[in-house]
Every structure is written in C-alpha cells, then in structure tokens.
C-alpha cells in the first residue's frame, strides 16, 4: 500500500528523517514506534501532506506521489487522526464530519439532508449510536475520535493514520476502538497505528516498524518479535529493567494530609508523606486523584480537612504561588494546556518559576539565567538546538523534561507529579523515573499519580488506591500486585 524510499527531512539544526526506507502492506494494521524525537511525527506529517519539502519518494499502490497539502492527501485516500483532535466543539457531529467538504445543491446551498444521511451511514458502519445532530463538544473523547474516524469514511479513505489514539481513553474505550479498527481492516482499510504503548501495539498490530534518531531501524512481524526485542531496537540498548532501583530512604515526616474534602470530587483523604519517599496514587478516570493534587497545590479550595507541612502550622493555600513559596511544586497532567507556554523558548519556560531569584530588581540577569538553564538542560539531557529554541518544536519527552526542570529549579521539598510519563517513550520514561529517584536521595518527597498500574508498582514505595473520590486501600509495595489493586480500584470489597 505504501512504499517509502530514501526519504529525508531536515529542520534548522536537526535531521528529523535520515534516508528512511520501508513498506506498509495493504490491509494491515502497521505499528510505528520509537522514542520521542525518533522521526515518527515528521513521517506522519509527510504522509498527511503537511510537510511537502523532503527528499526521496513515497508510492501509494505502486504510484509515486508527492502531496501538496492535507486536502490533496485526503483526496488520494489518506486520512490522519492526530493525537490533538481536529474537531470544532460548537458544531454538530454531521457538520464536523463534512467540515470543509459539505455537499451542496444547485447554487452552492449546503445539502443538509444529504449530509445527515451520509453521516448516519458512516456511524452505522461503525455501529455507534450517535446522532448526527449532537453537538460534538458534549461528547466524550472516545466519541469525538469516532467522529474523526467517520470523517475518513465519508472520504472513502484507503489509509488511516492514527497518532496516539488511546492517550486519553479508558480501558473500556480502548477496547471499543480496537473493535472499530478490526472492522475497518476487514473492509480493506490499511491502518498506520502510532503509539508509545507497546502492549497495545502487540495487541492490535500485524507488523511493527521501529524508528530511532530519524532512521528506520527495522520492521518485524508481530509473531517474530516480543516487547523486549522492540524496546532494544527503540533505545539501541537492552533495558535490564524498566524502573531504576529505589535507593531513597524514608526519613522524617514531610507532609501530613488529614480528612481533606472537596464536595463532589473527593472526600476524607488522609495520608502522610515522608522525606525520601515516593507514594503512588492509583485510580480509574474519575477517581478524584487529579482534583486532590490540584487542591494540595492551591488551584482549588477545599471544604474541610487540613494540610500540614514539616515545620509549619496547618496550611490552606489560596493560590499556587503560596504553595510554591512553602516548597510544594506540581506537574500537571495536561502538558500543553497547563504546563507549557508553547510559543516561548526553552529558557523562558524553565526560568519562569524562579524570576524572583534571577530578576531581583525587575530586570532579568541574562547571564545568570542562561548559565542556570543550560546547566539544568545538560544535566537532564534535554535534546535541543539551543535554549532559545521554541519549546513547541521539542518532542513530547523533551517538553516534559523542560517542565520537570522548571520544578526542580524551585528547590521545593514536595513534588506532585501527575501523569509525568503520559505520551512519552520508554527511554524518556526511564530518565524521568531516575530523576524522581534522585530527588528522594536528596530528602524530597514525591506524590506520584499515574493511570499505568505497572509504573505505579514499579516506582512507588506505597500505593494509595482511590475509587469514586475516596481513599479505599493502601498497599506497601512488597504486598501489592496488579490483581489486588485493580480489584479495589473497580469497587471490589476491601479486605
């Protein structure tokens, strides 16, 4: 279906793709994996018609083609569902499906009846009970993705590219998506499936291509390899363990939370955090973990309970700046929406939390700022051209490192990490785990929230299980296992 031959693409100071050659078989679900910065996104944008200036050739069904735009790619049967969905929340399902290609009657008047009928056909094919009149902004992320898939169906797409399609889905919604993918495959549609989640890759894909540092390392049939083999291809080395050895030692009490309640979101949350400790919070979507974390950081008030930091009286932060001043730092789960200023530089994003230190009289000491930012960037291996590079141009893993580095500059005592490894590759995950471990060696305490149960078990000293806004069970790491934890997370009886 697709033959990529000797494709290269460069940006100022960076070679994104280097002489890439590989093929995708018709009717296959073809997995594409690699670390952040490996070149996956660049290839997707070339196949989608976004990047048009590259060397090499790409053939579709044996015909060499060079798309001039996204619209051109769509006309040739290539549809892309990006991780950041391209829906218009205020419009209906039918209006989103046909956005920019509305059927018209004589005189250029939109044929609303035809639009609704064809939308119903696409939704019926996917066996999804959605009305074409429903406003898309009222739908769940999973159903918004279905609207995106429906767009590709009305275009009669032969190839659908899915970029991290499950990053915001529940396990049930993921299974529903996989059923849709199988249905598409049975109807002869080829899927290019891009994901960091290797469990999904092995569950849904027929073949897997691995990219590293802009090169195509190899393509394997799923039956010819395993998870460890793919990881070794991705990172260029064998990961003896996915999680670094926990070397932090539990010391003095650092933070005490008692009976913390915010009506409608969580209630009666009680726990202690010690120096040198990582405590993990496990829970399904809607369990109240993020809401609790934001309340601890002062972004939302709480109705009752108390927060006591080591050496302080009972605290009630009214603003995040107060939490930071007391030594509490927070990394948001929403990297782009709440964590970064995407159009500013790496330097500006890193130093914004320490402006009082580098600008004591309202003027930034540029040399001090540059030296500090550069030392942190080198220490935590941020891949960049310079500290003046726009942060939006970085890979997801390096964007996450920029945010974490900003937090470390505050020299806080308590760090709240909310989904710190979401959407990044296994190599970058390992580096972030190591940063967390190193913090505990310095006597810091970490509250760690993750929807990936294996990493909660792999990195935490104690696991706090939340269900429907309540703290229902605490496991010491040694006694915890996935079955026990999932049992209580899903509302099972607590022993």
Foldseek 3Di string as FASTA:
>chain_A
DKWFAQKWDDDVVATQAGGATDDFDWLFAEEEEFFFSLNPVVVVCQLQQNDQDIDGWMDDPRHTDGHNHNVSSLLVQEAEQAPPGPADQQAFLLCRLCPPNFDADPPRHGPVVVSQVLLVVLCVLLPHPDHRRHRNNVDDLLVSVSSSVSSSVVSVHQEYEYAASCLPPFPVSVVSVLVSVVSCSVVGHYYYYYHQDVVVCLVRGQKYWYGESNYTQDIGGSVVDDDQVNVCSRPVHGDPDLFDDQDFDFDAWFKWWAQWAAPPQATGDTDTWTQLFEEEEEAGPRLRPLVVVVQLQQPDWTDDTFMDGVPGDTDGRNHNVVVLVQQEEEDDPPLVPPQAPQQFFLLCSQCVLPCCVQPVPNDGPVVVSQVLSVVLCVVLVQDDPGRRHRLNPGTPLSSLSSRVNSSVVSVGQEYEYAASCRRGHSVSSRSVSVVVSVSSNVGHTYYYYHHDVVVSLRRGQKYFYTENNYGDDIGGSVPDDPVLRVCVNVPHDDD
